[in-house]
Amino acid sequence: MMCRLTSILAILATLVWLTGCLGKTRFPAYYTLHVPATVDVPSPAAVRPSLAVREFGSPAYLREGAIVYRTSPVEVGFYQYHRWAVDPREFLTNTIIDRLRATGQFGDVRNYDGRSDVDYFFSGRLEKLEEVDYEGGVRVEVALSAQITDLRAGKTVWAGAASETARVENRNVPAVVAKMSQATDRAIRKLLASLNLPTTSSLNSSLQK
């Protein structure tokens, strides 16, 4: 009888311990970048060139899904429980497409699908998207680069790069992501502000040759 009671008490103790462990289970939190929406500008009646945007590339460590932080110039860390719900490369690609459509410079802007039935090809790279925790305080850094290729001429007609930093006042991940979003928006605006393509008339002339 005593052995049975001891066994029951041992089982109950194990159940209590397991319940405590399960109660401490931590699940990841997911985040996404957010930038202001754009309004499409109707294209004029004149013919406008078409453009395909390839998905942004990035260093391998930015493709892990976790939000990245640095504690020194040579050390990269990952938040185990704070991850991206939307791949920043996908987010950047779609945002660039929206922004390019809104410029009114192009008759068609689409995701690159492997076909070459467009006039221009846009390729970009997310160079940095990280929290920086050294050299005093906390900040975020965002860096982008891109180029546009004239597919018919087979040459690069534009290339640009832009970077932005932002100080983080409240040291928590939601605040970090909010600052990353703001810095990303400014970097995109700066990058596209330098965009300079041939005029429609010169493009039409080159197509007729």
C-alpha atoms as a PDB file:
ATOM      1  CA  MET A   1       0.000   0.000   0.000  1.00  0.00           C
ATOM      2  CA  MET A   2       2.827   2.354   0.929  1.00  0.00           C
ATOM      3  CA  CYS A   3       4.608   1.574  -2.368  1.00  0.00           C
ATOM      4  CA  ARG A   4       1.458   2.337  -4.354  1.00  0.00           C
ATOM      5  CA  LEU A   5       0.987   5.635  -2.506  1.00  0.00           C
ATOM      6  CA  THR A   6       4.612   6.545  -3.149  1.00  0.00           C
ATOM      7  CA  SER A   7       4.173   5.758  -6.855  1.00  0.00           C
ATOM      8  CA  ILE A   8       1.042   7.904  -7.061  1.00  0.00           C
ATOM      9  CA  LEU A   9       2.781  10.804  -5.347  1.00  0.00           C
ATOM     10  CA  ALA A  10       5.742  10.454  -7.717  1.00  0.00           C
ATOM     11  CA  ILE A  11       3.415  10.519 -10.742  1.00  0.00           C
ATOM     12  CA  LEU A  12       1.609  13.583  -9.390  1.00  0.00           C
ATOM     13  CA  ALA A  13       4.915  15.345  -8.796  1.00  0.00           C
ATOM     14  CA  THR A  14       5.983  14.566 -12.351  1.00  0.00           C
ATOM     15  CA  LEU A  15       2.709  15.926 -13.738  1.00  0.00           C
ATOM     16  CA  VAL A  16       3.098  19.120 -11.723  1.00  0.00           C
ATOM     17  CA  TRP A  17       6.655  19.505 -13.025  1.00  0.00           C
ATOM     18  CA  LEU A  18       5.579  18.933 -16.642  1.00  0.00           C
ATOM     19  CA  THR A  19       2.731  21.425 -16.262  1.00  0.00           C
ATOM     20  CA  GLY A  20       5.188  24.014 -14.992  1.00  0.00           C
ATOM     21  CA  CYS A  21       7.534  23.402 -17.903  1.00  0.00           C
ATOM     22  CA  LEU A  22       4.723  23.656 -20.449  1.00  0.00           C
ATOM     23  CA  GLY A  23       3.547  26.857 -18.855  1.00  0.00           C
ATOM     24  CA  LYS A  24       6.965  28.377 -19.533  1.00  0.00           C
ATOM     25  CA  THR A  25       6.943  27.524 -23.246  1.00  0.00           C
ATOM     26  CA  ARG A  26       7.756  30.627 -25.270  1.00  0.00           C
ATOM     27  CA  PHE A  27       6.512  31.177 -28.781  1.00  0.00           C
ATOM     28  CA  PRO A  28       8.123  33.485 -31.358  1.00  0.00           C
ATOM     29  CA  ALA A  29       6.728  36.940 -32.070  1.00  0.00           C
ATOM     30  CA  TYR A  30       6.477  37.900 -35.741  1.00  0.00           C
ATOM     31  CA  TYR A  31       6.984  41.311 -37.326  1.00  0.00           C
ATOM     32  CA  THR A  32       6.819  42.992 -40.717  1.00  0.00           C
ATOM     33  CA  LEU A  33       8.208  46.201 -42.129  1.00  0.00           C
ATOM     34  CA  HIS A  34       5.676  48.944 -42.789  1.00  0.00           C
ATOM     35  CA  VAL A  35       6.003  51.950 -45.093  1.00  0.00           C
ATOM     36  CA  PRO A  36       3.410  54.492 -46.292  1.00  0.00           C
ATOM     37  CA  ALA A  37       1.274  53.388 -49.220  1.00  0.00           C
ATOM     38  CA  THR A  38       1.687  55.044 -52.618  1.00  0.00           C
ATOM     39  CA  VAL A  39      -0.915  56.224 -55.101  1.00  0.00           C
ATOM     40  CA  ASP A  40      -0.449  55.194 -58.721  1.00  0.00           C
ATOM     41  CA  VAL A  41       0.014  58.028 -61.184  1.00  0.00           C
ATOM     42  CA  PRO A  42      -1.841  57.432 -64.479  1.00  0.00           C
ATOM     43  CA  SER A  43       0.617  57.070 -67.348  1.00  0.00           C
ATOM     44  CA  PRO A  44       0.351  59.694 -70.106  1.00  0.00           C
ATOM     45  CA  ALA A  45      -0.968  58.645 -73.485  1.00  0.00           C
ATOM     46  CA  ALA A  46       2.575  58.510 -74.891  1.00  0.00           C
ATOM     47  CA  VAL A  47       4.244  55.104 -74.937  1.00  0.00           C
ATOM     48  CA  ARG A  48       6.172  54.343 -71.778  1.00  0.00           C
ATOM     49  CA  PRO A  49       8.817  51.625 -71.360  1.00  0.00           C
ATOM     50  CA  SER A  50       8.146  48.426 -69.437  1.00  0.00           C
ATOM     51  CA  LEU A  51      10.195  47.146 -66.537  1.00  0.00           C
ATOM     52  CA  ALA A  52      10.523  43.872 -64.602  1.00  0.00           C
ATOM     53  CA  VAL A  53      11.741  43.836 -60.993  1.00  0.00           C
ATOM     54  CA  ARG A  54      13.640  40.821 -59.756  1.00  0.00           C
ATOM     55  CA  GLU A  55      13.332  39.804 -56.093  1.00  0.00           C
ATOM     56  CA  PHE A  56      15.926  41.599 -53.979  1.00  0.00           C
ATOM     57  CA  GLY A  57      18.993  39.667 -52.937  1.00  0.00           C
ATOM     58  CA  SER A  58      20.771  39.923 -49.589  1.00  0.00           C
ATOM     59  CA  PRO A  59      23.668  38.482 -47.583  1.00  0.00           C
ATOM     60  CA  ALA A  60      22.955  34.959 -46.333  1.00  0.00           C
ATOM     61  CA  TYR A  61      22.608  36.015 -42.683  1.00  0.00           C
ATOM     62  CA  LEU A  62      19.665  38.272 -43.564  1.00  0.00           C
ATOM     63  CA  ARG A  63      17.800  35.286 -45.019  1.00  0.00           C
ATOM     64  CA  GLU A  64      17.601  33.352 -41.736  1.00  0.00           C
ATOM     65  CA  GLY A  65      14.183  34.785 -40.822  1.00  0.00           C
ATOM     66  CA  ALA A  66      15.273  36.172 -37.449  1.00  0.00           C
ATOM     67  CA  ILE A  67      15.741  39.870 -36.719  1.00  0.00           C
ATOM     68  CA  VAL A  68      19.453  40.645 -36.690  1.00  0.00           C
ATOM     69  CA  TYR A  69      21.501  42.646 -34.207  1.00  0.00           C
ATOM     70  CA  ARG A  70      25.203  43.424 -33.919  1.00  0.00           C
ATOM     71  CA  THR A  71      27.154  43.836 -30.697  1.00  0.00           C
ATOM     72  CA  SER A  72      30.389  44.636 -32.570  1.00  0.00           C
ATOM     73  CA  PRO A  73      31.458  45.224 -36.182  1.00  0.00           C
ATOM     74  CA  VAL A  74      32.370  41.538 -36.515  1.00  0.00           C
ATOM     75  CA  GLU A  75      29.690  39.777 -34.433  1.00  0.00           C
ATOM     76  CA  VAL A  76      26.175  39.046 -35.735  1.00  0.00           C
ATOM     77  CA  GLY A  77      23.397  37.920 -33.390  1.00  0.00           C
ATOM     78  CA  PHE A  78      19.857  36.697 -34.020  1.00  0.00           C
ATOM     79  CA  TYR A  79      16.752  37.199 -31.889  1.00  0.00           C
ATOM     80  CA  GLN A  80      15.556  33.647 -31.341  1.00  0.00           C
ATOM     81  CA  TYR A  81      11.970  34.649 -30.537  1.00  0.00           C
ATOM     82  CA  HIS A  82      11.605  37.704 -32.800  1.00  0.00           C
ATOM     83  CA  ARG A  83      11.265  36.835 -36.463  1.00  0.00           C
ATOM     84  CA  TRP A  84      10.051  38.299 -39.748  1.00  0.00           C
ATOM     85  CA  ALA A  85       6.532  37.323 -40.763  1.00  0.00           C
ATOM     86  CA  VAL A  86       7.282  38.557 -44.301  1.00  0.00           C
ATOM     87  CA  ASP A  87      10.726  38.124 -45.831  1.00  0.00           C
ATOM     88  CA  PRO A  88      12.202  41.670 -46.034  1.00  0.00           C
ATOM     89  CA  ARG A  89      13.444  40.896 -49.550  1.00  0.00           C
ATOM     90  CA  GLU A  90       9.900  40.141 -50.703  1.00  0.00           C
ATOM     91  CA  PHE A  91       8.625  43.241 -48.913  1.00  0.00           C
ATOM     92  CA  LEU A  92      11.257  45.433 -50.591  1.00  0.00           C
ATOM     93  CA  THR A  93      10.548  43.982 -54.029  1.00  0.00           C
ATOM     94  CA  ASN A  94       6.822  44.658 -53.787  1.00  0.00           C
ATOM     95  CA  THR A  95       7.372  48.139 -52.355  1.00  0.00           C
ATOM     96  CA  ILE A  96       9.797  49.060 -55.143  1.00  0.00           C
ATOM     97  CA  ILE A  97       7.275  47.869 -57.718  1.00  0.00           C
ATOM     98  CA  ASP A  98       4.566  50.040 -56.146  1.00  0.00           C
ATOM     99  CA  ARG A  99       6.893  53.069 -55.993  1.00  0.00           C
ATOM    100  CA  LEU A 100       8.041  52.662 -59.595  1.00  0.00           C
ATOM    101  CA  ARG A 101       4.471  52.341 -60.811  1.00  0.00           C
ATOM    102  CA  ALA A 102       3.610  55.527 -58.948  1.00  0.00           C
ATOM    103  CA  THR A 103       6.319  57.516 -60.758  1.00  0.00           C
ATOM    104  CA  GLY A 104       4.399  57.341 -64.032  1.00  0.00           C
ATOM    105  CA  GLN A 105       7.691  56.710 -65.884  1.00  0.00           C
ATOM    106  CA  PHE A 106       6.696  53.215 -66.972  1.00  0.00           C
ATOM    107  CA  GLY A 107       3.797  51.781 -68.890  1.00  0.00           C
ATOM    108  CA  ASP A 108       4.155  48.449 -67.091  1.00  0.00           C
ATOM    109  CA  VAL A 109       6.013  47.421 -63.919  1.00  0.00           C
ATOM    110  CA  ARG A 110       5.856  43.787 -62.891  1.00  0.00           C
ATOM    111  CA  ASN A 111       7.634  41.045 -60.961  1.00  0.00           C
ATOM    112  CA  TYR A 112      10.341  39.363 -63.002  1.00  0.00           C
ATOM    113  CA  ASP A 113       9.087  35.953 -64.129  1.00  0.00           C
ATOM    114  CA  GLY A 114      12.054  34.843 -66.212  1.00  0.00           C
ATOM    115  CA  ARG A 115      10.775  36.293 -69.482  1.00  0.00           C
ATOM    116  CA  SER A 116      12.529  39.068 -71.382  1.00  0.00           C
ATOM    117  CA  ASP A 117       9.542  40.787 -73.011  1.00  0.00           C
ATOM    118  CA  VAL A 118      10.244  44.066 -71.202  1.00  0.00           C
ATOM    119  CA  ASP A 119      12.462  47.045 -71.967  1.00  0.00           C
ATOM    120  CA  TYR A 120      14.256  47.267 -68.632  1.00  0.00           C
ATOM    121  CA  PHE A 121      15.288  44.909 -65.858  1.00  0.00           C
ATOM    122  CA  PHE A 122      15.604  46.112 -62.236  1.00  0.00           C
ATOM    123  CA  SER A 123      17.754  44.149 -59.799  1.00  0.00           C
ATOM    124  CA  GLY A 124      18.402  45.169 -56.204  1.00  0.00           C
ATOM    125  CA  ARG A 125      20.086  44.035 -53.044  1.00  0.00           C
ATOM    126  CA  LEU A 126      19.330  44.534 -49.359  1.00  0.00           C
ATOM    127  CA  GLU A 127      22.806  45.161 -47.993  1.00  0.00           C
ATOM    128  CA  LYS A 128      21.876  45.862 -44.351  1.00  0.00           C
ATOM    129  CA  LEU A 129      18.819  45.586 -42.109  1.00  0.00           C
ATOM    130  CA  GLU A 130      19.976  45.302 -38.533  1.00  0.00           C
ATOM    131  CA  GLU A 131      20.005  46.632 -35.015  1.00  0.00           C
ATOM    132  CA  VAL A 132      23.381  48.001 -33.919  1.00  0.00           C
ATOM    133  CA  ASP A 133      24.252  47.853 -30.207  1.00  0.00           C
ATOM    134  CA  TYR A 134      27.762  49.265 -30.031  1.00  0.00           C
ATOM    135  CA  GLU A 135      29.428  52.702 -30.142  1.00  0.00           C
ATOM    136  CA  GLY A 136      26.912  54.096 -27.665  1.00  0.00           C
ATOM    137  CA  GLY A 137      23.146  53.647 -27.662  1.00  0.00           C
ATOM    138  CA  VAL A 138      21.010  51.553 -29.977  1.00  0.00           C
ATOM    139  CA  ARG A 139      20.364  52.332 -33.627  1.00  0.00           C
ATOM    140  CA  VAL A 140      19.220  50.606 -36.807  1.00  0.00           C
ATOM    141  CA  GLU A 141      20.994  50.581 -40.145  1.00  0.00           C
ATOM    142  CA  VAL A 142      19.427  49.980 -43.566  1.00  0.00           C
ATOM    143  CA  ALA A 143      21.362  49.901 -46.845  1.00  0.00           C
ATOM    144  CA  LEU A 144      20.111  49.217 -50.383  1.00  0.00           C
ATOM    145  CA  SER A 145      21.685  49.036 -53.815  1.00  0.00           C
ATOM    146  CA  ALA A 146      20.163  48.530 -57.247  1.00  0.00           C
ATOM    147  CA  GLN A 147      20.685  48.822 -60.965  1.00  0.00           C
ATOM    148  CA  ILE A 148      18.591  48.927 -64.119  1.00  0.00           C
ATOM    149  CA  THR A 149      19.627  47.178 -67.309  1.00  0.00           C
ATOM    150  CA  ASP A 150      18.430  48.029 -70.813  1.00  0.00           C
ATOM    151  CA  LEU A 151      17.717  44.542 -72.116  1.00  0.00           C
ATOM    152  CA  ARG A 152      17.804  45.502 -75.777  1.00  0.00           C
ATOM    153  CA  ALA A 153      21.098  47.350 -75.532  1.00  0.00           C
ATOM    154  CA  GLY A 154      22.502  44.898 -72.985  1.00  0.00           C
ATOM    155  CA  LYS A 155      23.943  47.604 -70.749  1.00  0.00           C
ATOM    156  CA  THR A 156      23.377  49.161 -67.336  1.00  0.00           C
ATOM    157  CA  VAL A 157      21.598  52.518 -67.682  1.00  0.00           C
ATOM    158  CA  TRP A 158      21.325  53.346 -63.989  1.00  0.00           C
ATOM    159  CA  ALA A 159      22.847  52.234 -60.703  1.00  0.00           C
ATOM    160  CA  GLY A 160      22.358  53.615 -57.237  1.00  0.00           C
ATOM    161  CA  ALA A 161      22.787  52.978 -53.534  1.00  0.00           C
ATOM    162  CA  ALA A 162      21.273  54.472 -50.410  1.00  0.00           C
ATOM    163  CA  SER A 163      21.607  53.955 -46.676  1.00  0.00           C
ATOM    164  CA  GLU A 164      19.856  55.307 -43.598  1.00  0.00           C
ATOM    165  CA  THR A 165      20.295  55.040 -39.844  1.00  0.00           C
ATOM    166  CA  ALA A 166      17.874  55.814 -37.023  1.00  0.00           C
ATOM    167  CA  ARG A 167      18.379  56.079 -33.276  1.00  0.00           C
ATOM    168  CA  VAL A 168      16.200  53.796 -31.130  1.00  0.00           C
ATOM    169  CA  GLU A 169      14.995  55.543 -27.979  1.00  0.00           C
ATOM    170  CA  ASN A 170      12.994  52.676 -26.440  1.00  0.00           C
ATOM    171  CA  ARG A 171      15.083  49.517 -26.385  1.00  0.00           C
ATOM    172  CA  ASN A 172      12.568  46.844 -27.338  1.00  0.00           C
ATOM    173  CA  VAL A 173      12.028  44.866 -30.531  1.00  0.00           C
ATOM    174  CA  PRO A 174       8.751  46.547 -31.650  1.00  0.00           C
ATOM    175  CA  ALA A 175      10.501  49.930 -31.371  1.00  0.00           C
ATOM    176  CA  VAL A 176      13.473  48.569 -33.335  1.00  0.00           C
ATOM    177  CA  VAL A 177      11.199  47.291 -36.122  1.00  0.00           C
ATOM    178  CA  ALA A 178       9.350  50.630 -36.246  1.00  0.00           C
ATOM    179  CA  LYS A 179      12.658  52.451 -36.724  1.00  0.00           C
ATOM    180  CA  MET A 180      13.723  49.906 -39.348  1.00  0.00           C
ATOM    181  CA  SER A 181      10.505  50.653 -41.243  1.00  0.00           C
ATOM    182  CA  GLN A 182      11.139  54.404 -41.142  1.00  0.00           C
ATOM    183  CA  ALA A 183      14.758  54.012 -42.227  1.00  0.00           C
ATOM    184  CA  THR A 184      13.721  51.615 -45.016  1.00  0.00           C
ATOM    185  CA  ASP A 185      11.171  54.104 -46.332  1.00  0.00           C
ATOM    186  CA  ARG A 186      13.758  56.904 -46.386  1.00  0.00           C
ATOM    187  CA  ALA A 187      16.349  54.649 -48.055  1.00  0.00           C
ATOM    188  CA  ILE A 188      13.880  53.642 -50.792  1.00  0.00           C
ATOM    189  CA  ARG A 189      12.964  57.278 -51.423  1.00  0.00           C
ATOM    190  CA  LYS A 190      16.621  58.276 -51.602  1.00  0.00           C
ATOM    191  CA  LEU A 191      17.455  55.368 -53.925  1.00  0.00           C
ATOM    192  CA  LEU A 192      14.651  56.079 -56.390  1.00  0.00           C
ATOM    193  CA  ALA A 193      15.213  59.847 -56.285  1.00  0.00           C
ATOM    194  CA  SER A 194      18.422  59.255 -58.241  1.00  0.00           C
ATOM    195  CA  LEU A 195      16.608  57.241 -60.912  1.00  0.00           C
ATOM    196  CA  ASN A 196      17.333  58.685 -64.345  1.00  0.00           C
ATOM    197  CA  LEU A 197      16.293  56.810 -67.461  1.00  0.00           C
ATOM    198  CA  PRO A 198      16.343  57.867 -71.114  1.00  0.00           C
ATOM    199  CA  THR A 199      13.358  59.960 -72.148  1.00  0.00           C
ATOM    200  CA  THR A 200      10.485  58.312 -74.014  1.00  0.00           C
ATOM    201  CA  SER A 201      11.502  59.946 -77.268  1.00  0.00           C
ATOM    202  CA  SER A 202      15.081  58.687 -77.042  1.00  0.00           C
ATOM    203  CA  LEU A 203      13.843  55.231 -76.060  1.00  0.00           C
ATOM    204  CA  ASN A 204      11.500  55.108 -79.076  1.00  0.00           C
ATOM    205  CA  SER A 205      14.351  56.185 -81.333  1.00  0.00           C
ATOM    206  CA  SER A 206      16.577  53.406 -80.005  1.00  0.00           C
ATOM    207  CA  LEU A 207      13.802  50.852 -80.526  1.00  0.00           C
ATOM    208  CA  GLN A 208      13.329  51.902 -84.156  1.00  0.00           C
ATOM    209  CA  LYS A 209      17.006  51.401 -85.022  1.00  0.00           C
END
